[in-house]
Protein backbone atom coordinates (compact mmCIF):
# COMPACT_ATOMS: atom_id res chain seq x y z
CA UNK A 1 53.51 129.03 -99.11
CA UNK A 2 57.09 129.49 -97.78
CA UNK A 3 58.70 128.38 -100.98
CA UNK A 4 59.97 130.76 -103.89
CA UNK A 5 57.28 128.91 -106.52
CA UNK A 6 55.63 131.66 -108.69
CA UNK A 7 52.21 131.36 -110.17
CA UNK A 8 50.83 132.92 -113.19
CA UNK A 9 47.66 135.04 -112.95
CA UNK A 10 46.57 137.26 -115.82
CA UNK A 11 49.60 137.18 -117.48
CA UNK A 12 51.77 138.56 -114.09
CA UNK A 13 53.84 136.21 -112.08
CA UNK A 14 52.66 136.08 -108.01
CA UNK A 15 54.33 134.24 -105.07
CA UNK A 16 52.06 132.24 -103.04
CA UNK A 17 52.45 135.20 -100.00
CA UNK A 18 51.56 137.90 -102.49
CA UNK A 19 48.18 135.89 -103.59
CA UNK A 20 47.05 134.96 -100.06
CA UNK A 21 48.10 138.76 -99.45
CA UNK A 22 45.25 139.81 -102.02
CA UNK A 23 42.75 137.29 -100.95
CA UNK A 24 43.33 138.93 -97.17
CA UNK A 25 43.11 142.19 -98.24
CA UNK A 26 39.81 141.36 -100.14
CA UNK A 27 38.38 139.70 -96.89
CA UNK A 28 39.45 142.65 -94.69
CA UNK A 29 37.65 145.37 -97.26
CA UNK A 30 34.54 143.07 -97.02
CA UNK A 31 34.74 143.03 -93.13
CA UNK A 32 35.37 146.62 -92.78
CA UNK A 33 32.36 147.21 -95.22
CA UNK A 34 29.81 144.91 -93.31
CA UNK A 35 31.32 146.24 -89.93
CA UNK A 36 31.58 149.91 -90.64
CA UNK A 37 34.79 150.26 -88.92
CA UNK A 38 38.47 150.04 -89.67
CA UNK A 39 40.35 146.56 -88.94
CA UNK A 40 44.04 146.63 -88.23
CA UNK A 41 44.54 143.52 -86.19
CA UNK A 42 43.86 139.71 -87.10
CA UNK A 43 44.05 136.39 -85.83
CA UNK A 44 44.82 134.10 -88.86
CA UNK A 45 44.53 130.04 -88.57
CA UNK A 46 47.20 127.79 -90.70
CA UNK A 47 47.55 124.03 -90.84
CA UNK A 48 49.09 122.69 -87.59
CA UNK A 49 51.97 120.96 -89.61
CA UNK A 50 53.08 124.31 -91.18
CA UNK A 51 56.80 124.78 -90.68
CA UNK A 52 58.36 128.08 -89.77
CA UNK A 53 58.93 129.26 -93.10
CA UNK A 54 55.34 128.52 -93.85
CA UNK A 55 54.32 130.35 -90.89
CA UNK A 56 56.43 133.31 -91.70
CA UNK A 57 55.14 133.62 -95.28
CA UNK A 58 51.57 133.47 -93.73
CA UNK A 59 52.46 136.59 -91.34
CA UNK A 60 53.92 138.31 -94.48
CA UNK A 61 50.75 138.05 -96.30
CA UNK A 62 48.94 139.61 -93.71
CA UNK A 63 51.26 142.62 -93.44
CA UNK A 64 51.18 143.06 -97.06
CA UNK A 65 47.26 142.87 -96.43
CA UNK A 66 47.81 145.90 -94.18
CA UNK A 67 46.84 143.55 -91.13
CA UNK A 68 48.76 143.11 -87.87
CA UNK A 69 48.63 139.20 -87.49
CA UNK A 70 48.09 139.16 -83.55
CA UNK A 71 48.15 135.38 -83.77
CA UNK A 72 48.68 132.49 -85.55
CA UNK A 73 46.37 129.46 -84.49
CA UNK A 74 46.68 126.00 -85.86
CA UNK A 75 43.31 125.28 -87.44
CA UNK A 76 42.57 122.04 -85.55
CA UNK A 77 43.18 123.82 -82.52
CA UNK A 78 40.97 126.59 -83.56
CA UNK A 79 38.22 123.79 -84.69
CA UNK A 80 38.59 122.24 -81.23
CA UNK A 81 38.27 125.68 -79.45
CA UNK A 82 34.77 126.19 -81.33
CA UNK A 83 33.39 122.87 -80.65
CA UNK A 84 34.27 122.65 -77.03
CA UNK A 85 32.64 125.91 -76.42
CA UNK A 86 29.42 124.15 -76.78
CA UNK A 87 30.12 122.03 -73.40
CA UNK A 88 32.63 123.10 -71.06
CA UNK A 89 31.43 121.12 -68.43
CA UNK A 90 32.69 117.73 -69.14
CA UNK A 91 36.30 116.10 -68.97
CA UNK A 92 36.96 114.55 -72.44
CA UNK A 93 39.84 113.30 -75.05
CA UNK A 94 39.33 114.57 -78.39
CA UNK A 95 40.47 113.83 -81.74
CA UNK A 96 39.94 116.57 -84.31
CA UNK A 97 40.26 115.30 -88.03
CA UNK A 98 40.84 118.54 -90.33
CA UNK A 99 41.10 118.03 -94.08
CA UNK A 100 41.17 121.29 -95.97
CA UNK A 101 41.59 121.97 -99.22
CA UNK A 102 45.38 121.13 -99.63
CA UNK A 103 46.36 120.12 -96.15
CA UNK A 104 45.22 117.42 -93.50
CA UNK A 105 45.85 117.64 -89.67
CA UNK A 106 45.00 115.49 -87.04
CA UNK A 107 45.01 116.77 -83.26
CA UNK A 108 44.28 115.05 -80.19
CA UNK A 109 43.34 117.07 -77.01
CA UNK A 110 42.27 116.93 -73.75
CA UNK A 111 39.48 119.16 -72.26
CA UNK A 112 39.37 119.76 -68.54
CA UNK A 113 36.00 121.91 -68.43
CA UNK A 114 37.15 125.44 -69.43
CA UNK A 115 40.92 123.98 -69.98
CA UNK A 116 41.99 122.75 -73.25
CA UNK A 117 45.38 120.99 -73.90
CA UNK A 118 46.48 120.08 -76.96
CA UNK A 119 48.56 116.48 -76.49
CA UNK A 120 49.68 115.87 -79.97
CA UNK A 121 49.50 116.77 -83.71
CA UNK A 122 50.39 115.37 -86.96
CA UNK A 123 49.90 115.83 -90.37
CA UNK A 124 50.51 116.05 -94.15
CA UNK A 125 50.64 119.56 -95.61
CA UNK A 126 50.67 117.87 -99.40
CA UNK A 127 47.59 116.10 -98.96
CA UNK A 128 44.00 117.70 -99.07
CA UNK A 129 40.59 117.73 -100.70
CA UNK A 130 42.07 118.95 -103.82
CA UNK A 131 44.07 115.97 -104.32
CA UNK A 132 40.72 113.96 -103.99
CA UNK A 133 39.35 116.03 -106.75
CA UNK A 134 42.47 115.35 -108.91
CA UNK A 135 42.16 111.93 -108.44
CA UNK A 136 38.37 111.62 -109.70
CA UNK A 137 39.24 114.41 -112.63
CA UNK A 138 41.85 111.80 -113.50
CA UNK A 139 39.61 108.91 -113.59
CA UNK A 140 36.76 110.57 -115.56
CA UNK A 141 39.42 111.63 -118.17
CA UNK A 142 40.97 108.12 -118.43
CA UNK A 143 36.86 106.52 -118.70
CA UNK A 144 36.56 108.75 -121.76
CA UNK A 145 40.03 107.73 -123.47
CA UNK A 146 40.93 111.83 -123.09
CA UNK A 147 44.22 113.41 -122.37
CA UNK A 148 44.47 116.52 -120.43
CA UNK A 149 46.09 118.37 -123.45
CA UNK A 150 42.84 117.38 -125.40
CA UNK A 151 40.64 119.37 -122.78
CA UNK A 152 40.81 123.46 -122.67
CA UNK A 153 41.04 124.97 -119.32
CA UNK A 154 37.46 126.21 -119.28
CA UNK A 155 36.35 122.80 -120.16
CA UNK A 156 38.69 121.56 -117.19
CA UNK A 157 37.51 124.17 -114.79
CA UNK A 158 33.94 122.93 -115.48
CA UNK A 159 34.90 119.07 -115.16
CA UNK A 160 36.44 120.19 -111.48
CA UNK A 161 33.06 122.02 -110.73
CA UNK A 162 30.89 118.71 -111.42
CA UNK A 163 33.60 116.30 -109.79
CA UNK A 164 32.98 118.91 -106.40
CA UNK A 165 29.00 118.39 -106.82
CA UNK A 166 29.53 114.62 -107.32
CA UNK A 167 32.16 114.33 -104.33
CA UNK A 168 29.72 116.19 -102.09
CA UNK A 169 26.49 114.45 -103.44
CA UNK A 170 27.84 110.90 -102.56
CA UNK A 171 28.12 111.68 -99.06
CA UNK A 172 24.08 111.55 -99.18
CA UNK A 173 23.65 109.06 -102.17
CA UNK A 174 25.17 105.85 -103.36
CA UNK A 175 25.50 107.14 -107.18
CA UNK A 176 25.51 110.49 -108.69
CA UNK A 177 25.51 111.35 -112.53
CA UNK A 178 25.60 114.34 -114.51
CA UNK A 179 26.53 115.86 -117.70
CA UNK A 180 29.67 117.69 -118.73
CA UNK A 181 31.14 119.31 -122.04
CA UNK A 182 34.65 117.50 -122.76
CA UNK A 183 36.47 118.12 -125.96
CA UNK A 184 33.69 119.55 -127.36
CA UNK A 185 31.37 116.72 -126.51
CA UNK A 186 28.50 116.31 -123.94
CA UNK A 187 29.67 113.27 -121.86
CA UNK A 188 27.70 111.58 -118.84
CA UNK A 189 29.72 111.31 -115.64
CA UNK A 190 28.50 108.32 -113.48
CA UNK A 191 30.13 107.48 -109.83
CA UNK A 192 29.18 105.54 -107.15
CA UNK A 193 30.29 105.75 -103.61
CA UNK A 194 32.20 102.27 -103.81
CA UNK A 195 33.99 103.55 -106.79
CA UNK A 196 34.81 106.90 -105.15
CA UNK A 197 36.38 105.03 -102.56
CA UNK A 198 38.70 102.60 -104.89
CA UNK A 199 39.88 105.78 -106.69
CA UNK A 200 41.15 107.58 -103.86
CA UNK A 201 42.21 104.62 -101.96
CA UNK A 202 46.02 105.81 -101.98
CA UNK A 203 45.05 108.94 -100.42
CA UNK A 204 43.03 107.15 -97.62
CA UNK A 205 46.15 105.12 -96.96
CA UNK A 206 47.94 108.00 -96.46
CA UNK A 207 45.35 109.65 -93.83
CA UNK A 208 45.23 106.42 -91.99
CA UNK A 209 49.15 106.67 -91.42
CA UNK A 210 48.43 110.31 -89.94
CA UNK A 211 45.85 109.20 -87.50
CA UNK A 212 47.88 106.36 -86.33
CA UNK A 213 50.85 108.72 -85.72
CA UNK A 214 49.05 111.45 -83.91
CA UNK A 215 47.47 108.71 -81.53
CA UNK A 216 50.90 107.35 -80.96
CA UNK A 217 52.56 110.37 -80.21
CA UNK A 218 49.58 111.30 -77.82
CA UNK A 219 50.07 108.04 -76.16
CA UNK A 220 46.35 107.73 -76.61
CA UNK A 221 44.06 104.49 -77.70
CA UNK A 222 41.20 104.79 -79.81
CA UNK A 223 39.12 103.07 -76.86
CA UNK A 224 40.22 106.41 -74.80
CA UNK A 225 38.78 108.62 -77.18
CA UNK A 226 35.45 110.41 -76.00
CA UNK A 227 34.59 112.44 -79.40
CA UNK A 228 35.84 112.60 -82.83
CA UNK A 229 35.30 115.83 -84.61
CA UNK A 230 35.65 116.22 -88.71
CA UNK A 231 36.09 119.81 -90.10
CA UNK A 232 37.44 120.91 -93.29
CA UNK A 233 35.63 120.91 -96.62
CA UNK A 234 37.40 117.40 -97.68
CA UNK A 235 35.82 115.39 -95.03
CA UNK A 236 32.38 115.78 -96.54
CA UNK A 237 33.67 112.91 -98.66
CA UNK A 238 31.89 109.59 -97.27
CA UNK A 239 35.19 107.56 -97.76
CA UNK A 240 36.89 109.83 -95.73
CA UNK A 241 34.17 109.78 -92.75
CA UNK A 242 34.04 106.14 -93.09
CA UNK A 243 37.99 105.50 -92.89
CA UNK A 244 38.08 107.76 -89.59
CA UNK A 245 34.80 106.00 -88.08
CA UNK A 246 36.22 102.54 -88.84
CA UNK A 247 39.67 103.26 -87.58
CA UNK A 248 38.76 105.32 -84.00
CA UNK A 249 35.81 102.66 -83.57
CA UNK A 250 33.13 105.48 -82.87
CA UNK A 251 30.67 107.61 -84.49
CA UNK A 252 32.07 110.92 -85.71
CA UNK A 253 30.63 114.38 -85.02
CA UNK A 254 30.12 117.77 -87.41
CA UNK A 255 28.90 120.32 -84.73
CA UNK A 256 28.62 122.91 -87.70
CA UNK A 257 29.31 123.46 -91.39
CA UNK A 258 32.59 121.96 -91.62
CA UNK A 259 33.77 124.58 -93.70
CA UNK A 260 33.11 127.01 -90.98
CA UNK A 261 34.25 125.43 -87.73
CA UNK A 262 38.03 126.90 -88.08
CA UNK A 263 36.83 130.35 -88.77
CA UNK A 264 34.56 130.42 -85.70
CA UNK A 265 37.39 128.97 -83.53
CA UNK A 266 39.67 131.76 -84.93
CA UNK A 267 36.97 134.27 -84.18
CA UNK A 268 36.94 132.87 -80.41
CA UNK A 269 40.90 133.14 -80.27
CA UNK A 270 40.43 136.67 -81.40
CA UNK A 271 37.76 137.26 -78.60
CA UNK A 272 40.35 135.65 -76.28
CA UNK A 273 43.06 137.88 -77.11
CA UNK A 274 40.76 141.14 -76.64
CA UNK A 275 39.86 139.67 -73.22
CA UNK A 276 36.08 139.46 -74.40
CA UNK A 277 34.47 138.69 -70.60
CA UNK A 278 32.21 136.14 -72.39
CA UNK A 279 35.03 133.42 -72.87
CA UNK A 280 37.69 134.89 -70.28
CA UNK A 281 37.51 131.53 -68.44
CA UNK A 282 38.78 129.48 -71.55
CA UNK A 283 42.67 128.43 -70.83
CA UNK A 284 44.38 126.90 -74.07
CA UNK A 285 47.62 125.11 -74.15
CA UNK A 286 49.60 124.22 -77.43
CA UNK A 287 52.08 122.15 -78.42
CA UNK A 288 55.51 122.45 -80.94
CA UNK A 289 54.43 120.83 -84.11
CA UNK A 290 58.13 120.18 -85.16
CA UNK A 291 60.89 118.83 -83.63
CA UNK A 292 63.63 121.32 -82.92
CA UNK A 293 67.60 120.58 -82.78
CA UNK A 294 71.03 120.79 -84.25
CA UNK A 295 73.33 119.32 -86.80
CA UNK A 296 75.97 116.86 -85.12
CA UNK A 297 78.52 114.58 -86.90
CA UNK A 298 78.92 110.95 -85.86
CA UNK A 299 81.88 108.62 -86.29
CA UNK A 300 81.02 105.71 -88.70
CA UNK A 301 82.60 102.02 -88.56
CA UNK A 302 85.65 102.99 -90.23
CA UNK A 303 86.19 105.72 -87.80
CA UNK A 304 85.52 108.61 -90.19
CA UNK A 305 83.38 111.50 -89.38
CA UNK A 306 80.33 111.62 -90.86
CA UNK A 307 78.55 115.12 -90.70
CA UNK A 308 74.83 116.00 -91.57
CA UNK A 309 73.24 114.02 -88.72
CA UNK A 310 69.96 115.45 -87.30
CA UNK A 311 69.88 115.73 -83.17
CA UNK A 312 66.57 116.70 -81.57
CA UNK A 313 66.61 118.98 -78.53
CA UNK A 314 63.02 119.66 -78.40
CA UNK A 315 60.71 116.80 -79.70
CA UNK A 316 57.59 117.75 -81.46
CA UNK A 317 54.40 117.61 -79.49
CA UNK A 318 56.13 119.22 -76.61
CA UNK A 319 53.78 121.72 -74.75
CA UNK A 320 54.88 125.18 -75.31
CA UNK A 321 56.50 127.42 -73.85
CA UNK A 322 59.18 124.98 -73.03
CA UNK A 323 63.04 124.84 -72.53
CA UNK A 324 65.25 121.62 -73.18
CA UNK A 325 69.00 121.37 -72.82
CA UNK A 326 71.36 118.60 -74.37
CA UNK A 327 75.27 118.57 -73.94
CA UNK A 328 77.33 117.95 -77.09
CA UNK A 329 81.28 117.39 -77.54
CA UNK A 330 83.68 118.23 -79.97
CA UNK A 331 84.59 115.61 -82.60
CA UNK A 332 88.22 116.73 -83.71
CA UNK A 333 91.51 116.91 -82.10
CA UNK A 334 92.70 120.49 -81.53
CA UNK A 335 88.93 121.64 -82.52
CA UNK A 336 88.73 125.24 -81.51
CA UNK A 337 85.58 126.33 -83.27
CA UNK A 338 81.85 124.65 -82.83
CA UNK A 339 79.45 125.64 -85.70
CA UNK A 340 75.69 125.24 -84.24
CA UNK A 341 73.36 125.19 -86.94
CA UNK A 342 69.77 124.81 -85.78
CA UNK A 343 67.19 122.79 -87.70
CA UNK A 344 63.26 122.25 -87.50
CA UNK A 345 61.93 118.91 -88.84
CA UNK A 346 61.80 114.98 -88.33
CA UNK A 347 64.38 113.49 -90.89
CA UNK A 348 67.60 112.07 -89.50
CA UNK A 349 69.44 114.01 -92.23
CA UNK A 350 69.84 117.89 -91.93
CA UNK A 351 69.45 118.44 -95.40
CA UNK A 352 65.89 116.87 -95.12
CA UNK A 353 64.97 119.55 -92.65
CA UNK A 354 64.49 123.53 -92.39
CA UNK A 355 67.40 125.43 -91.51
CA UNK A 356 66.53 128.09 -89.21
CA UNK A 357 69.99 129.71 -88.19
CA UNK A 358 73.45 129.04 -86.71
CA UNK A 359 75.55 130.26 -84.03
CA UNK A 360 79.40 130.35 -83.69
CA UNK A 361 81.11 129.13 -80.57
CA UNK A 362 84.87 129.00 -79.76
CA UNK A 363 86.54 126.61 -77.68
CA UNK A 364 90.20 125.62 -76.47
CA UNK A 365 92.09 123.38 -78.54
CA UNK A 366 91.87 119.98 -76.95
CA UNK A 367 91.66 116.26 -77.89
CA UNK A 368 88.31 115.28 -79.31
CA UNK A 369 85.80 114.75 -77.00
CA UNK A 370 87.17 117.07 -74.08
CA UNK A 371 85.34 120.13 -75.00
CA UNK A 372 81.70 119.89 -74.11
CA UNK A 373 79.07 122.39 -74.83
CA UNK A 374 75.53 122.68 -73.28
CA UNK A 375 73.00 123.79 -75.72
CA UNK A 376 69.73 125.00 -74.45
CA UNK A 377 66.58 125.62 -76.58
CA UNK A 378 63.75 127.86 -75.29
CA UNK A 379 60.74 128.02 -77.42
CA UNK A 380 57.45 129.75 -76.88
CA UNK A 381 53.89 130.03 -78.61
CA UNK A 382 54.93 133.23 -80.59
CA UNK A 383 57.48 131.05 -82.63
CA UNK A 384 60.34 132.88 -80.77
CA UNK A 385 63.52 130.33 -80.08
CA UNK A 386 66.46 131.21 -77.97
CA UNK A 387 69.55 129.36 -78.46
CA UNK A 388 71.90 129.52 -75.60
CA UNK A 389 75.37 127.51 -75.92
CA UNK A 390 77.61 127.35 -72.78
CA UNK A 391 81.25 125.86 -72.75
CA UNK A 392 81.16 123.58 -70.06
CA UNK A 393 85.18 124.16 -69.25
CA UNK A 394 85.38 127.78 -69.58
CA UNK A 395 81.83 129.04 -68.66
CA UNK A 396 81.66 131.20 -71.74
CA UNK A 397 78.15 131.48 -72.90
CA UNK A 398 76.90 132.03 -76.61
CA UNK A 399 73.36 133.25 -77.37
CA UNK A 400 71.03 134.17 -80.09
CA UNK A 401 67.62 134.77 -80.69
CA UNK A 402 65.80 133.01 -83.83
CA UNK A 403 62.68 134.85 -84.69
CA UNK A 404 61.37 132.30 -87.56
CA UNK A 405 58.45 135.20 -88.07
CA UNK A 406 60.76 138.02 -88.37
CA UNK A 407 59.53 141.29 -88.01
CA UNK A 408 56.45 140.20 -86.67
CA UNK A 409 57.27 140.62 -82.79
CA UNK A 410 57.70 143.88 -81.39
CA UNK A 411 60.91 144.53 -78.90
CA UNK A 412 58.45 144.61 -76.19
CA UNK A 413 56.60 141.51 -77.05
CA UNK A 414 60.41 139.78 -77.61
CA UNK A 415 61.23 140.96 -74.06
CA UNK A 416 57.88 139.91 -72.31
CA UNK A 417 58.73 136.43 -74.17
CA UNK A 418 62.22 136.13 -72.81
CA UNK A 419 60.98 136.84 -69.22
CA UNK A 420 58.41 134.22 -69.57
CA UNK A 421 61.13 131.67 -71.05
CA UNK A 422 63.34 132.44 -68.23
CA UNK A 423 61.39 130.77 -65.59
CA UNK A 424 61.68 127.52 -67.72
CA UNK A 425 65.72 127.47 -68.01
CA UNK A 426 66.16 125.57 -64.59
CA UNK A 427 66.42 121.81 -65.16
CA UNK A 428 63.70 120.18 -63.38
CA UNK A 429 65.89 118.20 -61.19
CA UNK A 430 67.12 121.62 -59.87
CA UNK A 431 63.84 122.86 -58.52
CA UNK A 432 63.16 122.84 -55.06
CA UNK A 433 59.82 121.06 -55.42
CA UNK A 434 61.20 118.20 -56.96
CA UNK A 435 64.29 117.95 -54.77
CA UNK A 436 62.17 117.64 -51.64
CA UNK A 437 59.79 115.17 -53.38
CA UNK A 438 63.21 113.09 -54.13
CA UNK A 439 64.53 113.61 -50.53
CA UNK A 440 61.05 112.53 -49.31
CA UNK A 441 60.94 109.30 -51.35
CA UNK A 442 64.74 108.15 -50.14
CA UNK A 443 63.76 108.54 -46.58
CA UNK A 444 60.17 106.29 -46.94
CA UNK A 445 62.46 103.96 -49.18
CA UNK A 446 64.86 103.34 -46.47
CA UNK A 447 62.18 102.58 -44.05
CA UNK A 448 60.51 100.01 -46.02
CA UNK A 449 61.10 96.41 -47.01
CA UNK A 450 59.91 93.70 -49.31
CA UNK A 451 57.51 94.19 -52.30
CA UNK A 452 56.69 97.72 -51.10
CA UNK A 453 60.40 98.65 -51.28
CA UNK A 454 60.49 97.13 -54.76
CA UNK A 455 57.19 99.21 -55.72
CA UNK A 456 58.53 102.23 -54.42
CA UNK A 457 62.14 101.92 -56.19
CA UNK A 458 60.39 101.47 -59.39
CA UNK A 459 58.07 104.75 -59.02
CA UNK A 460 61.36 106.49 -57.96
CA UNK A 461 62.97 105.57 -61.06
CA UNK A 462 60.00 106.66 -63.11
CA UNK A 463 60.16 110.04 -61.39
CA UNK A 464 63.83 110.43 -62.13
CA UNK A 465 63.55 109.57 -65.71
CA UNK A 466 60.75 111.98 -66.04
CA UNK A 467 63.14 114.32 -64.52
CA UNK A 468 65.67 113.71 -66.91
CA UNK A 469 63.12 113.91 -69.91
CA UNK A 470 62.49 117.67 -68.64
CA UNK A 471 58.74 117.13 -70.07
CA UNK A 472 56.32 118.58 -67.58
CA UNK A 473 53.60 116.34 -68.61
CA UNK A 474 55.65 113.23 -68.14
CA UNK A 475 56.89 114.57 -64.45
CA UNK A 476 53.30 115.36 -63.47
CA UNK A 477 52.22 111.98 -64.49
CA UNK A 478 55.09 110.41 -62.32
CA UNK A 479 53.95 112.40 -59.54
CA UNK A 480 50.45 111.30 -59.32
CA UNK A 481 51.44 107.90 -59.22
CA UNK A 482 54.59 108.20 -56.67
CA UNK A 483 52.75 110.70 -54.28
CA UNK A 484 50.07 108.52 -53.40
CA UNK A 485 52.06 105.70 -52.35
CA UNK A 486 54.54 108.21 -50.16
CA UNK A 487 51.37 109.37 -48.27
CA UNK A 488 50.08 105.75 -47.63
CA UNK A 489 53.62 104.96 -46.31
CA UNK A 490 53.89 107.94 -44.25
CA UNK A 491 50.86 107.52 -42.50
CA UNK A 492 51.23 103.55 -41.80
CA UNK A 493 54.64 104.96 -40.19
CA UNK A 494 52.79 107.49 -38.03
CA UNK A 495 50.33 105.17 -36.68
């Protein structure tokens, strides 16, 4: 999805978007026949680690199928919604491991009764259950001294079918055998659970890396996990479940058929969207799966300007909607224009990231570094990104709306999103509630001495760092540690 790759089907070339549209159209027709009513809107699940091009292509597929895509929901989030609905009375930290046919997502979330807060998401959109199947197919061909060119497409399809049977069967047995026709000869395929694990070991290492990154980004240790949930057909492989179990140090759960958990969660999201009273109490927060930033230039050791570097403004796994601001400076003498190019991704070089758009900014000609531009990104759950660039010296402001899912949001929906984002554009240091707390902390600091003063000074600095990060979660955590000490010291002063 999201590429210009073409696929041959019945002698005709199709894009991934067109093939997805055919599938969605079929699903729509089946559902309409079953429900005996017309379907015009849908909630569609996507891998959490899909970039904006892939999400846009998914939306376009829905439109080609005659559907208005009301919401794209991240697949681990959908699975988490379904699994959490079984028990909303507990507070817990959950890891969702989602291995589908073509992608892997790992999501960490907190559940506070009816509130589900996504903390972090990591993934690999080029790793899935089909890669495990490919590895086993390659192993069997090698075992029988066969090249792929020696096996016709029908036999290869049958081989893949038998491999799927073996892969699933090994979740219940130590060894599986079956016969298949290859190169005109009936051949015996035998595989043990131990051998399967060795065949897919390179893929298991990649899964391990994604698990590690998700927990690191979330700031969560494996000992803090209350539940680990497996979803997606790829998790049927026993070696995959064993990897997750051993790494997380706890048992893993499958609340339902792993192939259905995401679809059921998406259905619940549709019910939320339609304000169904039975689940009206559920509140869901999500995160930005990829970093958003701009291209910058740096000076090398020789003093030469080196372009093409990526500077993040909104880091991945920040809760959305969100708004962040950073200041940048001109790099050349007498520079009169700044070309602000906006990217999505994690690579330090912009050519490895996804270009979302650009903005032209005029500045007065001055020596290098004397013109400053404050760049603010505001991003919401619909994928709407508003970029505002303000020239510090002149006050001139430039703005651009970047709709990565072009044509999906109506003018009214864009206006509503901008109104919600406008409340986030004030820097946390400028908000009255934070200014009052800082003033109070400074007052109490002046009244204390010794160890208590050192302790309070440390907490005030933590709070200031949190404010500078513009991350609401860090700010809330800093307030949680600072406020009790202020209350204690204030009470001692009153007594």
